[in-house]
Amino acid sequence: VEAHTDPVPYNKPPLIDNWDLSVKRATSVVR
């Protein structure tokens, strides 16, 4: 499962950027 985002900055704790968001989305689909 490979998640991608757009370049709009993301920062909603506990996630701090688009890297965190893309990884979290990938693990959510995996689950």
mmCIF file of all heavy atoms, coordinates in Angstrom:
data_MODEL
# 
_entry.id   MODEL 
# 
loop_
_atom_site.group_PDB 
_atom_site.id 
_atom_site.type_symbol 
_atom_site.label_atom_id 
_atom_site.label_alt_id 
_atom_site.label_comp_id 
_atom_site.label_asym_id 
_atom_site.label_entity_id 
_atom_site.label_seq_id 
_atom_site.pdbx_PDB_ins_code 
_atom_site.Cartn_x 
_atom_site.Cartn_y 
_atom_site.Cartn_z 
_atom_site.occupancy 
_atom_site.B_iso_or_equiv 
_atom_site.pdbx_formal_charge 
_atom_site.auth_seq_id 
_atom_site.auth_comp_id 
_atom_site.auth_asym_id 
_atom_site.auth_atom_id 
_atom_site.pdbx_PDB_model_num 
ATOM 1   N N   . VAL A 1 1  ? 0.869  -1.182 0.000  1.00 0.00 ? 1  VAL A N   1 
ATOM 2   C CA  . VAL A 1 1  ? 0.000  0.000  0.000  1.00 0.00 ? 1  VAL A CA  1 
ATOM 3   C C   . VAL A 1 1  ? 0.907  1.233  0.000  1.00 0.00 ? 1  VAL A C   1 
ATOM 4   O O   . VAL A 1 1  ? 1.716  1.419  0.909  1.00 0.00 ? 1  VAL A O   1 
ATOM 5   C CB  . VAL A 1 1  ? -0.924 0.009  1.229  1.00 0.00 ? 1  VAL A CB  1 
ATOM 6   C CG1 . VAL A 1 1  ? -1.784 1.271  1.205  1.00 0.00 ? 1  VAL A CG1 1 
ATOM 7   C CG2 . VAL A 1 1  ? -1.792 -1.245 1.255  1.00 0.00 ? 1  VAL A CG2 1 
ATOM 8   N N   . GLU A 1 2  ? 0.769  2.055  -1.025 1.00 0.00 ? 2  GLU A N   1 
ATOM 9   C CA  . GLU A 1 2  ? 1.661  3.206  -1.238 1.00 0.00 ? 2  GLU A CA  1 
ATOM 10  C C   . GLU A 1 2  ? 0.808  4.476  -1.259 1.00 0.00 ? 2  GLU A C   1 
ATOM 11  O O   . GLU A 1 2  ? 0.033  4.696  -2.184 1.00 0.00 ? 2  GLU A O   1 
ATOM 12  C CB  . GLU A 1 2  ? 2.400  3.019  -2.573 1.00 0.00 ? 2  GLU A CB  1 
ATOM 13  C CG  . GLU A 1 2  ? 3.412  4.069  -2.904 1.00 0.00 ? 2  GLU A CG  1 
ATOM 14  C CD  . GLU A 1 2  ? 4.029  3.819  -4.269 1.00 0.00 ? 2  GLU A CD  1 
ATOM 15  O OE1 . GLU A 1 2  ? 3.460  4.283  -5.274 1.00 0.00 ? 2  GLU A OE1 1 
ATOM 16  O OE2 . GLU A 1 2  ? 5.061  3.125  -4.328 1.00 0.00 ? 2  GLU A OE2 1 
ATOM 17  N N   . ALA A 1 3  ? 0.936  5.312  -0.212 1.00 0.00 ? 3  ALA A N   1 
ATOM 18  C CA  . ALA A 1 3  ? 0.117  6.524  -0.097 1.00 0.00 ? 3  ALA A CA  1 
ATOM 19  C C   . ALA A 1 3  ? 0.893  7.760  -0.530 1.00 0.00 ? 3  ALA A C   1 
ATOM 20  O O   . ALA A 1 3  ? 2.087  7.890  -0.252 1.00 0.00 ? 3  ALA A O   1 
ATOM 21  C CB  . ALA A 1 3  ? -0.368 6.686  1.339  1.00 0.00 ? 3  ALA A CB  1 
ATOM 22  N N   . HIS A 1 4  ? 0.184  8.672  -1.231 1.00 0.00 ? 4  HIS A N   1 
ATOM 23  C CA  . HIS A 1 4  ? 0.785  9.909  -1.736 1.00 0.00 ? 4  HIS A CA  1 
ATOM 24  C C   . HIS A 1 4  ? -0.064 11.107 -1.299 1.00 0.00 ? 4  HIS A C   1 
ATOM 25  O O   . HIS A 1 4  ? -1.280 10.999 -1.137 1.00 0.00 ? 4  HIS A O   1 
ATOM 26  C CB  . HIS A 1 4  ? 0.840  9.887  -3.270 1.00 0.00 ? 4  HIS A CB  1 
ATOM 27  C CG  . HIS A 1 4  ? 1.662  8.777  -3.823 1.00 0.00 ? 4  HIS A CG  1 
ATOM 28  N ND1 . HIS A 1 4  ? 2.920  8.963  -4.336 1.00 0.00 ? 4  HIS A ND1 1 
ATOM 29  C CD2 . HIS A 1 4  ? 1.393  7.443  -3.949 1.00 0.00 ? 4  HIS A CD2 1 
ATOM 30  C CE1 . HIS A 1 4  ? 3.394  7.806  -4.771 1.00 0.00 ? 4  HIS A CE1 1 
ATOM 31  N NE2 . HIS A 1 4  ? 2.482  6.866  -4.546 1.00 0.00 ? 4  HIS A NE2 1 
ATOM 32  N N   . THR A 1 5  ? 0.578  12.253 -1.142 1.00 0.00 ? 5  THR A N   1 
ATOM 33  C CA  . THR A 1 5  ? -0.136 13.482 -0.798 1.00 0.00 ? 5  THR A CA  1 
ATOM 34  C C   . THR A 1 5  ? 0.185  14.567 -1.815 1.00 0.00 ? 5  THR A C   1 
ATOM 35  O O   . THR A 1 5  ? 1.063  14.396 -2.674 1.00 0.00 ? 5  THR A O   1 
ATOM 36  C CB  . THR A 1 5  ? 0.269  13.990 0.597  1.00 0.00 ? 5  THR A CB  1 
ATOM 37  O OG1 . THR A 1 5  ? 1.623  14.480 0.542  1.00 0.00 ? 5  THR A OG1 1 
ATOM 38  C CG2 . THR A 1 5  ? 0.160  12.899 1.652  1.00 0.00 ? 5  THR A CG2 1 
ATOM 39  N N   . ASP A 1 6  ? -0.498 15.708 -1.718 1.00 0.00 ? 6  ASP A N   1 
ATOM 40  C CA  . ASP A 1 6  ? -0.108 16.877 -2.503 1.00 0.00 ? 6  ASP A CA  1 
ATOM 41  C C   . ASP A 1 6  ? 0.897  17.686 -1.668 1.00 0.00 ? 6  ASP A C   1 
ATOM 42  O O   . ASP A 1 6  ? 1.206  17.318 -0.526 1.00 0.00 ? 6  ASP A O   1 
ATOM 43  C CB  . ASP A 1 6  ? -1.333 17.715 -2.879 1.00 0.00 ? 6  ASP A CB  1 
ATOM 44  C CG  . ASP A 1 6  ? -2.076 18.235 -1.657 1.00 0.00 ? 6  ASP A CG  1 
ATOM 45  O OD1 . ASP A 1 6  ? -1.446 18.397 -0.593 1.00 0.00 ? 6  ASP A OD1 1 
ATOM 46  O OD2 . ASP A 1 6  ? -3.296 18.471 -1.762 1.00 0.00 ? 6  ASP A OD2 1 
ATOM 47  N N   . PRO A 1 7  ? 1.432  18.793 -2.175 1.00 0.00 ? 7  PRO A N   1 
ATOM 48  C CA  . PRO A 1 7  ? 2.470  19.537 -1.441 1.00 0.00 ? 7  PRO A CA  1 
ATOM 49  C C   . PRO A 1 7  ? 1.936  20.535 -0.415 1.00 0.00 ? 7  PRO A C   1 
ATOM 50  O O   . PRO A 1 7  ? 2.740  21.254 0.213  1.00 0.00 ? 7  PRO A O   1 
ATOM 51  C CB  . PRO A 1 7  ? 3.234  20.254 -2.558 1.00 0.00 ? 7  PRO A CB  1 
ATOM 52  C CG  . PRO A 1 7  ? 2.215  20.482 -3.611 1.00 0.00 ? 7  PRO A CG  1 
ATOM 53  C CD  . PRO A 1 7  ? 1.304  19.294 -3.575 1.00 0.00 ? 7  PRO A CD  1 
ATOM 54  N N   . VAL A 1 8  ? 0.627  20.603 -0.225 1.00 0.00 ? 8  VAL A N   1 
ATOM 55  C CA  . VAL A 1 8  ? 0.093  21.546 0.767  1.00 0.00 ? 8  VAL A CA  1 
ATOM 56  C C   . VAL A 1 8  ? 0.601  21.139 2.151  1.00 0.00 ? 8  VAL A C   1 
ATOM 57  O O   . VAL A 1 8  ? 0.437  19.986 2.565  1.00 0.00 ? 8  VAL A O   1 
ATOM 58  C CB  . VAL A 1 8  ? -1.441 21.555 0.742  1.00 0.00 ? 8  VAL A CB  1 
ATOM 59  C CG1 . VAL A 1 8  ? -1.979 22.475 1.832  1.00 0.00 ? 8  VAL A CG1 1 
ATOM 60  C CG2 . VAL A 1 8  ? -1.956 21.984 -0.633 1.00 0.00 ? 8  VAL A CG2 1 
ATOM 61  N N   . PRO A 1 9  ? 1.250  22.047 2.895  1.00 0.00 ? 9  PRO A N   1 
ATOM 62  C CA  . PRO A 1 9  ? 1.818  21.693 4.205  1.00 0.00 ? 9  PRO A CA  1 
ATOM 63  C C   . PRO A 1 9  ? 0.752  21.112 5.138  1.00 0.00 ? 9  PRO A C   1 
ATOM 64  O O   . PRO A 1 9  ? -0.393 21.569 5.175  1.00 0.00 ? 9  PRO A O   1 
ATOM 65  C CB  . PRO A 1 9  ? 2.357  23.024 4.727  1.00 0.00 ? 9  PRO A CB  1 
ATOM 66  C CG  . PRO A 1 9  ? 2.614  23.832 3.503  1.00 0.00 ? 9  PRO A CG  1 
ATOM 67  C CD  . PRO A 1 9  ? 1.537  23.459 2.535  1.00 0.00 ? 9  PRO A CD  1 
ATOM 68  N N   . TYR A 1 10 ? 1.173  20.106 5.896  1.00 0.00 ? 10 TYR A N   1 
ATOM 69  C CA  . TYR A 1 10 ? 0.250  19.442 6.825  1.00 0.00 ? 10 TYR A CA  1 
ATOM 70  C C   . TYR A 1 10 ? 0.891  19.404 8.211  1.00 0.00 ? 10 TYR A C   1 
ATOM 71  O O   . TYR A 1 10 ? 2.051  19.000 8.353  1.00 0.00 ? 10 TYR A O   1 
ATOM 72  C CB  . TYR A 1 10 ? -0.046 18.020 6.336  1.00 0.00 ? 10 TYR A CB  1 
ATOM 73  C CG  . TYR A 1 10 ? -1.019 17.259 7.207  1.00 0.00 ? 10 TYR A CG  1 
ATOM 74  C CD1 . TYR A 1 10 ? -2.386 17.358 7.009  1.00 0.00 ? 10 TYR A CD1 1 
ATOM 75  C CD2 . TYR A 1 10 ? -0.559 16.460 8.243  1.00 0.00 ? 10 TYR A CD2 1 
ATOM 76  C CE1 . TYR A 1 10 ? -3.286 16.662 7.809  1.00 0.00 ? 10 TYR A CE1 1 
ATOM 77  C CE2 . TYR A 1 10 ? -1.447 15.764 9.054  1.00 0.00 ? 10 TYR A CE2 1 
ATOM 78  C CZ  . TYR A 1 10 ? -2.812 15.866 8.837  1.00 0.00 ? 10 TYR A CZ  1 
ATOM 79  O OH  . TYR A 1 10 ? -3.693 15.191 9.638  1.00 0.00 ? 10 TYR A OH  1 
ATOM 80  N N   . ASN A 1 11 ? 0.104  19.784 9.233  1.00 0.00 ? 11 ASN A N   1 
ATOM 81  C CA  . ASN A 1 11 ? 0.618  19.745 10.602 1.00 0.00 ? 11 ASN A CA  1 
ATOM 82  C C   . ASN A 1 11 ? -0.562 19.693 11.577 1.00 0.00 ? 11 ASN A C   1 
ATOM 83  O O   . ASN A 1 11 ? -1.077 20.715 12.014 1.00 0.00 ? 11 ASN A O   1 
ATOM 84  C CB  . ASN A 1 11 ? 1.497  20.966 10.880 1.00 0.00 ? 11 ASN A CB  1 
ATOM 85  C CG  . ASN A 1 11 ? 2.154  20.882 12.262 1.00 0.00 ? 11 ASN A CG  1 
ATOM 86  O OD1 . ASN A 1 11 ? 1.865  19.987 13.059 1.00 0.00 ? 11 ASN A OD1 1 
ATOM 87  N ND2 . ASN A 1 11 ? 3.035  21.827 12.550 1.00 0.00 ? 11 ASN A ND2 1 
ATOM 88  N N   . LYS A 1 12 ? -0.987 18.455 11.851 1.00 0.00 ? 12 LYS A N   1 
ATOM 89  C CA  . LYS A 1 12 ? -2.066 18.234 12.809 1.00 0.00 ? 12 LYS A CA  1 
ATOM 90  C C   . LYS A 1 12 ? -1.580 17.170 13.789 1.00 0.00 ? 12 LYS A C   1 
ATOM 91  O O   . LYS A 1 12 ? -1.571 15.983 13.455 1.00 0.00 ? 12 LYS A O   1 
ATOM 92  C CB  . LYS A 1 12 ? -3.341 17.773 12.114 1.00 0.00 ? 12 LYS A CB  1 
ATOM 93  C CG  . LYS A 1 12 ? -3.991 18.854 11.251 1.00 0.00 ? 12 LYS A CG  1 
ATOM 94  C CD  . LYS A 1 12 ? -5.290 18.355 10.633 1.00 0.00 ? 12 LYS A CD  1 
ATOM 95  C CE  . LYS A 1 12 ? -5.928 19.440 9.764  1.00 0.00 ? 12 LYS A CE  1 
ATOM 96  N NZ  . LYS A 1 12 ? -7.209 18.984 9.149  1.00 0.00 ? 12 LYS A NZ  1 
ATOM 97  N N   . PRO A 1 13 ? -1.122 17.619 14.971 1.00 0.00 ? 13 PRO A N   1 
ATOM 98  C CA  . PRO A 1 13 ? -0.572 16.662 15.938 1.00 0.00 ? 13 PRO A CA  1 
ATOM 99  C C   . PRO A 1 13 ? -1.529 15.476 16.145 1.00 0.00 ? 13 PRO A C   1 
ATOM 100 O O   . PRO A 1 13 ? -2.752 15.638 16.129 1.00 0.00 ? 13 PRO A O   1 
ATOM 101 C CB  . PRO A 1 13 ? -0.435 17.498 17.212 1.00 0.00 ? 13 PRO A CB  1 
ATOM 102 C CG  . PRO A 1 13 ? -0.275 18.900 16.711 1.00 0.00 ? 13 PRO A CG  1 
ATOM 103 C CD  . PRO A 1 13 ? -1.143 18.984 15.491 1.00 0.00 ? 13 PRO A CD  1 
ATOM 104 N N   . PRO A 1 14 ? -0.983 14.268 16.273 1.00 0.00 ? 14 PRO A N   1 
ATOM 105 C CA  . PRO A 1 14 ? 0.456  14.005 16.447 1.00 0.00 ? 14 PRO A CA  1 
ATOM 106 C C   . PRO A 1 14 ? 1.253  13.982 15.137 1.00 0.00 ? 14 PRO A C   1 
ATOM 107 O O   . PRO A 1 14 ? 2.462  13.775 15.163 1.00 0.00 ? 14 PRO A O   1 
ATOM 108 C CB  . PRO A 1 14 ? 0.455  12.619 17.084 1.00 0.00 ? 14 PRO A CB  1 
ATOM 109 C CG  . PRO A 1 14 ? -0.746 11.966 16.505 1.00 0.00 ? 14 PRO A CG  1 
ATOM 110 C CD  . PRO A 1 14 ? -1.798 13.038 16.398 1.00 0.00 ? 14 PRO A CD  1 
ATOM 111 N N   . LEU A 1 15 ? 0.614  14.171 13.972 1.00 0.00 ? 15 LEU A N   1 
ATOM 112 C CA  . LEU A 1 15 ? 1.338  14.179 12.694 1.00 0.00 ? 15 LEU A CA  1 
ATOM 113 C C   . LEU A 1 15 ? 1.889  15.575 12.440 1.00 0.00 ? 15 LEU A C   1 
ATOM 114 O O   . LEU A 1 15 ? 1.227  16.574 12.728 1.00 0.00 ? 15 LEU A O   1 
ATOM 115 C CB  . LEU A 1 15 ? 0.404  13.768 11.561 1.00 0.00 ? 15 LEU A CB  1 
ATOM 116 C CG  . LEU A 1 15 ? -0.386 12.459 11.775 1.00 0.00 ? 15 LEU A CG  1 
ATOM 117 C CD1 . LEU A 1 15 ? -1.185 12.130 10.524 1.00 0.00 ? 15 LEU A CD1 1 
ATOM 118 C CD2 . LEU A 1 15 ? 0.536  11.310 12.149 1.00 0.00 ? 15 LEU A CD2 1 
ATOM 119 N N   . ILE A 1 16 ? 3.088  15.628 11.883 1.00 0.00 ? 16 ILE A N   1 
ATOM 120 C CA  . ILE A 1 16 ? 3.733  16.930 11.730 1.00 0.00 ? 16 ILE A CA  1 
ATOM 121 C C   . ILE A 1 16 ? 3.936  17.352 10.274 1.00 0.00 ? 16 ILE A C   1 
ATOM 122 O O   . ILE A 1 16 ? 4.208  18.520 10.003 1.00 0.00 ? 16 ILE A O   1 
ATOM 123 C CB  . ILE A 1 16 ? 5.095  16.963 12.459 1.00 0.00 ? 16 ILE A CB  1 
ATOM 124 C CG1 . ILE A 1 16 ? 6.067  15.934 11.830 1.00 0.00 ? 16 ILE A CG1 1 
ATOM 125 C CG2 . ILE A 1 16 ? 4.916  16.698 13.934 1.00 0.00 ? 16 ILE A CG2 1 
ATOM 126 C CD1 . ILE A 1 16 ? 7.471  16.044 12.389 1.00 0.00 ? 16 ILE A CD1 1 
ATOM 127 N N   . ASP A 1 17 ? 3.819  16.431 9.322  1.00 0.00 ? 17 ASP A N   1 
ATOM 128 C CA  . ASP A 1 17 ? 4.016  16.817 7.917  1.00 0.00 ? 17 ASP A CA  1 
ATOM 129 C C   . ASP A 1 17 ? 3.398  15.776 6.989  1.00 0.00 ? 17 ASP A C   1 
ATOM 130 O O   . ASP A 1 17 ? 2.755  14.816 7.431  1.00 0.00 ? 17 ASP A O   1 
ATOM 131 C CB  . ASP A 1 17 ? 5.508  17.018 7.601  1.00 0.00 ? 17 ASP A CB  1 
ATOM 132 C CG  . ASP A 1 17 ? 6.344  15.773 7.883  1.00 0.00 ? 17 ASP A CG  1 
ATOM 133 O OD1 . ASP A 1 17 ? 5.759  14.676 8.052  1.00 0.00 ? 17 ASP A OD1 1 
ATOM 134 O OD2 . ASP A 1 17 ? 7.577  15.900 7.955  1.00 0.00 ? 17 ASP A OD2 1 
ATOM 135 N N   . ASN A 1 18 ? 3.604  15.982 5.709  1.00 0.00 ? 18 ASN A N   1 
ATOM 136 C CA  . ASN A 1 18 ? 3.020  15.086 4.700  1.00 0.00 ? 18 ASN A CA  1 
ATOM 137 C C   . ASN A 1 18 ? 3.625  13.681 4.732  1.00 0.00 ? 18 ASN A C   1 
ATOM 138 O O   . ASN A 1 18 ? 2.976  12.720 4.332  1.00 0.00 ? 18 ASN A O   1 
ATOM 139 C CB  . ASN A 1 18 ? 3.185  15.686 3.306  1.00 0.00 ? 18 ASN A CB  1 
ATOM 140 C CG  . ASN A 1 18 ? 2.193  16.809 3.054  1.00 0.00 ? 18 ASN A CG  1 
ATOM 141 O OD1 . ASN A 1 18 ? 1.046  16.726 3.489  1.00 0.00 ? 18 ASN A OD1 1 
ATOM 142 N ND2 . ASN A 1 18 ? 2.636  17.861 2.384  1.00 0.00 ? 18 ASN A ND2 1 
ATOM 143 N N   . TRP A 1 19 ? 4.868  13.584 5.195  1.00 0.00 ? 19 TRP A N   1 
ATOM 144 C CA  . TRP A 1 19 ? 5.450  12.243 5.366  1.00 0.00 ? 19 TRP A CA  1 
ATOM 145 C C   . TRP A 1 19 ? 4.607  11.453 6.376  1.00 0.00 ? 19 TRP A C   1 
ATOM 146 O O   . TRP A 1 19 ? 4.227  10.302 6.112  1.00 0.00 ? 19 TRP A O   1 
ATOM 147 C CB  . TRP A 1 19 ? 6.890  12.344 5.876  1.00 0.00 ? 19 TRP A CB  1 
ATOM 148 C CG  . TRP A 1 19 ? 7.922  12.585 4.820  1.00 0.00 ? 19 TRP A CG  1 
ATOM 149 C CD1 . TRP A 1 19 ? 8.706  13.682 4.658  1.00 0.00 ? 19 TRP A CD1 1 
ATOM 150 C CD2 . TRP A 1 19 ? 8.292  11.684 3.775  1.00 0.00 ? 19 TRP A CD2 1 
ATOM 151 N NE1 . TRP A 1 19 ? 9.537  13.534 3.596  1.00 0.00 ? 19 TRP A NE1 1 
ATOM 152 C CE2 . TRP A 1 19 ? 9.318  12.309 3.028  1.00 0.00 ? 19 TRP A CE2 1 
ATOM 153 C CE3 . TRP A 1 19 ? 7.873  10.421 3.393  1.00 0.00 ? 19 TRP A CE3 1 
ATOM 154 C CZ2 . TRP A 1 19 ? 9.916  11.722 1.920  1.00 0.00 ? 19 TRP A CZ2 1 
ATOM 155 C CZ3 . TRP A 1 19 ? 8.468  9.817  2.286  1.00 0.00 ? 19 TRP A CZ3 1 
ATOM 156 C CH2 . TRP A 1 19 ? 9.471  10.462 1.567  1.00 0.00 ? 19 TRP A CH2 1 
ATOM 157 N N   . ASP A 1 20 ? 4.364  12.053 7.488  1.00 0.00 ? 20 ASP A N   1 
ATOM 158 C CA  . ASP A 1 20 ? 3.565  11.371 8.513  1.00 0.00 ? 20 ASP A CA  1 
ATOM 159 C C   . ASP A 1 20 ? 2.176  11.008 7.989  1.00 0.00 ? 20 ASP A C   1 
ATOM 160 O O   . ASP A 1 20 ? 1.679  9.903  8.207  1.00 0.00 ? 20 ASP A O   1 
ATOM 161 C CB  . ASP A 1 20 ? 3.409  12.265 9.749  1.00 0.00 ? 20 ASP A CB  1 
ATOM 162 C CG  . ASP A 1 20 ? 4.639  12.219 10.647 1.00 0.00 ? 20 ASP A CG  1 
ATOM 163 O OD1 . ASP A 1 20 ? 5.546  11.424 10.362 1.00 0.00 ? 20 ASP A OD1 1 
ATOM 164 O OD2 . ASP A 1 20 ? 4.684  12.978 11.632 1.00 0.00 ? 20 ASP A OD2 1 
ATOM 165 N N   . LEU A 1 21 ? 1.577  11.946 7.277  1.00 0.00 ? 21 LEU A N   1 
ATOM 166 C CA  . LEU A 1 21 ? 0.221  11.708 6.769  1.00 0.00 ? 21 LEU A CA  1 
ATOM 167 C C   . LEU A 1 21 ? 0.190  10.555 5.779  1.00 0.00 ? 21 LEU A C   1 
ATOM 168 O O   . LEU A 1 21 ? -0.689 9.682  5.850  1.00 0.00 ? 21 LEU A O   1 
ATOM 169 C CB  . LEU A 1 21 ? -0.318 12.986 6.120  1.00 0.00 ? 21 LEU A CB  1 
ATOM 170 C CG  . LEU A 1 21 ? -1.726 12.879 5.507  1.00 0.00 ? 21 LEU A CG  1 
ATOM 171 C CD1 . LEU A 1 21 ? -2.750 12.507 6.584  1.00 0.00 ? 21 LEU A CD1 1 
ATOM 172 C CD2 . LEU A 1 21 ? -2.114 14.195 4.821  1.00 0.00 ? 21 LEU A CD2 1 
ATOM 173 N N   . SER A 1 22 ? 1.151  10.533 4.857  1.00 0.00 ? 22 SER A N   1 
ATOM 174 C CA  . SER A 1 22 ? 1.158  9.476  3.840  1.00 0.00 ? 22 SER A CA  1 
ATOM 175 C C   . SER A 1 22 ? 1.405  8.105  4.477  1.00 0.00 ? 22 SER A C   1 
ATOM 176 O O   . SER A 1 22 ? 0.759  7.116  4.117  1.00 0.00 ? 22 SER A O   1 
ATOM 177 C CB  . SER A 1 22 ? 2.213  9.762  2.760  1.00 0.00 ? 22 SER A CB  1 
ATOM 178 O OG  . SER A 1 22 ? 3.523  9.748  3.297  1.00 0.00 ? 22 SER A OG  1 
ATOM 179 N N   . VAL A 1 23 ? 2.326  8.040  5.439  1.00 0.00 ? 23 VAL A N   1 
ATOM 180 C CA  . VAL A 1 23 ? 2.605  6.762  6.104  1.00 0.00 ? 23 VAL A CA  1 
ATOM 181 C C   . VAL A 1 23 ? 1.380  6.311  6.901  1.00 0.00 ? 23 VAL A C   1 
ATOM 182 O O   . VAL A 1 23 ? 0.999  5.126  6.869  1.00 0.00 ? 23 VAL A O   1 
ATOM 183 C CB  . VAL A 1 23 ? 3.839  6.883  7.015  1.00 0.00 ? 23 VAL A CB  1 
ATOM 184 C CG1 . VAL A 1 23 ? 4.000  5.621  7.855  1.00 0.00 ? 23 VAL A CG1 1 
ATOM 185 C CG2 . VAL A 1 23 ? 5.092  7.129  6.183  1.00 0.00 ? 23 VAL A CG2 1 
ATOM 186 N N   . LYS A 1 24 ? 0.753  7.238  7.603  1.00 0.00 ? 24 LYS A N   1 
ATOM 187 C CA  . LYS A 1 24 ? -0.408 6.893  8.420  1.00 0.00 ? 24 LYS A CA  1 
ATOM 188 C C   . LYS A 1 24 ? -1.558 6.398  7.546  1.00 0.00 ? 24 LYS A C   1 
ATOM 189 O O   . LYS A 1 24 ? -2.273 5.456  7.898  1.00 0.00 ? 24 LYS A O   1 
ATOM 190 C CB  . LYS A 1 24 ? -0.843 8.115  9.236  1.00 0.00 ? 24 LYS A CB  1 
ATOM 191 C CG  . LYS A 1 24 ? -1.853 7.802  10.329 1.00 0.00 ? 24 LYS A CG  1 
ATOM 192 C CD  . LYS A 1 24 ? -1.278 6.859  11.360 1.00 0.00 ? 24 LYS A CD  1 
ATOM 193 C CE  . LYS A 1 24 ? -2.277 6.610  12.486 1.00 0.00 ? 24 LYS A CE  1 
ATOM 194 N NZ  . LYS A 1 24 ? -1.796 5.621  13.473 1.00 0.00 ? 24 LYS A NZ  1 
ATOM 195 N N   . ARG A 1 25 ? -1.766 7.007  6.403  1.00 0.00 ? 25 ARG A N   1 
ATOM 196 C CA  . ARG A 1 25 ? -2.805 6.554  5.486  1.00 0.00 ? 25 ARG A CA  1 
ATOM 197 C C   . ARG A 1 25 ? -2.495 5.152  4.955  1.00 0.00 ? 25 ARG A C   1 
ATOM 198 O O   . ARG A 1 25 ? -3.393 4.314  4.826  1.00 0.00 ? 25 ARG A O   1 
ATOM 199 C CB  . ARG A 1 25 ? -2.959 7.552  4.336  1.00 0.00 ? 25 ARG A CB  1 
ATOM 200 C CG  . ARG A 1 25 ? -3.704 8.811  4.744  1.00 0.00 ? 25 ARG A CG  1 
ATOM 201 C CD  . ARG A 1 25 ? -3.900 9.761  3.578  1.00 0.00 ? 25 ARG A CD  1 
ATOM 202 N NE  . ARG A 1 25 ? -4.835 10.842 3.941  1.00 0.00 ? 25 ARG A NE  1 
ATOM 203 C CZ  . ARG A 1 25 ? -5.215 11.802 3.110  1.00 0.00 ? 25 ARG A CZ  1 
ATOM 204 N NH1 . ARG A 1 25 ? -4.709 11.863 1.877  1.00 0.00 ? 25 ARG A NH1 1 
ATOM 205 N NH2 . ARG A 1 25 ? -6.079 12.734 3.509  1.00 0.00 ? 25 ARG A NH2 1 
ATOM 206 N N   . ALA A 1 26 ? -1.223 4.900  4.659  1.00 0.00 ? 26 ALA A N   1 
ATOM 207 C CA  . ALA A 1 26 ? -0.840 3.574  4.168  1.00 0.00 ? 26 ALA A CA  1 
ATOM 208 C C   . ALA A 1 26 ? -1.107 2.511  5.233  1.00 0.00 ? 26 ALA A C   1 
ATOM 209 O O   . ALA A 1 26 ? -1.661 1.442  4.940  1.00 0.00 ? 26 ALA A O   1 
ATOM 210 C CB  . ALA A 1 26 ? 0.628  3.567  3.760  1.00 0.00 ? 26 ALA A CB  1 
ATOM 211 N N   . THR A 1 27 ? -0.724 2.791  6.483  1.00 0.00 ? 27 THR A N   1 
ATOM 212 C CA  . THR A 1 27 ? -0.936 1.804  7.549  1.00 0.00 ? 27 THR A CA  1 
ATOM 213 C C   . THR A 1 27 ? -2.428 1.637  7.847  1.00 0.00 ? 27 THR A C   1 
ATOM 214 O O   . THR A 1 27 ? -2.883 0.538  8.198  1.00 0.00 ? 27 THR A O   1 
ATOM 215 C CB  . THR A 1 27 ? -0.189 2.212  8.834  1.00 0.00 ? 27 THR A CB  1 
ATOM 216 O OG1 . THR A 1 27 ? -0.592 3.533  9.228  1.00 0.00 ? 27 THR A OG1 1 
ATOM 217 C CG2 . THR A 1 27 ? 1.317  2.184  8.607  1.00 0.00 ? 27 THR A CG2 1 
ATOM 218 N N   . SER A 1 28 ? -3.218 2.679  7.661  1.00 0.00 ? 28 SER A N   1 
ATOM 219 C CA  . SER A 1 28 ? -4.660 2.564  7.880  1.00 0.00 ? 28 SER A CA  1 
ATOM 220 C C   . SER A 1 28 ? -5.279 1.605  6.869  1.00 0.00 ? 28 SER A C   1 
ATOM 221 O O   . SER A 1 28 ? -6.120 0.758  7.217  1.00 0.00 ? 28 SER A O   1 
ATOM 222 C CB  . SER A 1 28 ? -5.327 3.940  7.766  1.00 0.00 ? 28 SER A CB  1 
ATOM 223 O OG  . SER A 1 28 ? -4.895 4.800  8.795  1.00 0.00 ? 28 SER A OG  1 
ATOM 224 N N   . VAL A 1 29 ? -4.868 1.701  5.606  1.00 0.00 ? 29 VAL A N   1 
ATOM 225 C CA  . VAL A 1 29 ? -5.376 0.797  4.569  1.00 0.00 ? 29 VAL A CA  1 
ATOM 226 C C   . VAL A 1 29 ? -4.904 -0.623 4.840  1.00 0.00 ? 29 VAL A C   1 
ATOM 227 O O   . VAL A 1 29 ? -5.662 -1.597 4.672  1.00 0.00 ? 29 VAL A O   1 
ATOM 228 C CB  . VAL A 1 29 ? -4.944 1.276  3.168  1.00 0.00 ? 29 VAL A CB  1 
ATOM 229 C CG1 . VAL A 1 29 ? -5.320 0.248  2.106  1.00 0.00 ? 29 VAL A CG1 1 
ATOM 230 C CG2 . VAL A 1 29 ? -5.576 2.628  2.849  1.00 0.00 ? 29 VAL A CG2 1 
ATOM 231 N N   . VAL A 1 30 ? -3.639 -0.763 5.254  1.00 0.00 ? 30 VAL A N   1 
ATOM 232 C CA  . VAL A 1 30 ? -3.107 -2.089 5.573  1.00 0.00 ? 30 VAL A CA  1 
ATOM 233 C C   . VAL A 1 30 ? -3.947 -2.748 6.659  1.00 0.00 ? 30 VAL A C   1 
ATOM 234 O O   . VAL A 1 30 ? -4.274 -3.944 6.590  1.00 0.00 ? 30 VAL A O   1 
ATOM 235 C CB  . VAL A 1 30 ? -1.620 -1.979 6.004  1.00 0.00 ? 30 VAL A CB  1 
ATOM 236 C CG1 . VAL A 1 30 ? -1.182 -3.243 6.728  1.00 0.00 ? 30 VAL A CG1 1 
ATOM 237 C CG2 . VAL A 1 30 ? -0.736 -1.735 4.781  1.00 0.00 ? 30 VAL A CG2 1 
ATOM 238 N N   . ARG A 1 31 ? -4.308 -2.009 7.661  1.00 0.00 ? 31 ARG A N   1 
ATOM 239 C CA  . ARG A 1 31 ? -5.104 -2.575 8.762  1.00 0.00 ? 31 ARG A CA  1 
ATOM 240 C C   . ARG A 1 31 ? -6.493 -3.010 8.284  1.00 0.00 ? 31 ARG A C   1 
ATOM 241 O O   . ARG A 1 31 ? -7.030 -4.033 8.729  1.00 0.00 ? 31 ARG A O   1 
ATOM 242 C CB  . ARG A 1 31 ? -5.198 -1.569 9.907  1.00 0.00 ? 31 ARG A CB  1 
ATOM 243 C CG  . ARG A 1 31 ? -3.884 -1.389 10.652 1.00 0.00 ? 31 ARG A CG  1 
ATOM 244 C CD  . ARG A 1 31 ? -4.066 -0.631 11.962 1.00 0.00 ? 31 ARG A CD  1 
ATOM 245 N NE  . ARG A 1 31 ? -2.821 -0.632 12.720 1.00 0.00 ? 31 ARG A NE  1 
ATOM 246 C CZ  . ARG A 1 31 ? -1.907 0.330  12.659 1.00 0.00 ? 31 ARG A CZ  1 
ATOM 247 N NH1 . ARG A 1 31 ? -2.117 1.375  11.889 1.00 0.00 ? 31 ARG A NH1 1 
ATOM 248 N NH2 . ARG A 1 31 ? -0.799 0.255  13.370 1.00 0.00 ? 31 ARG A NH2 1 
# 
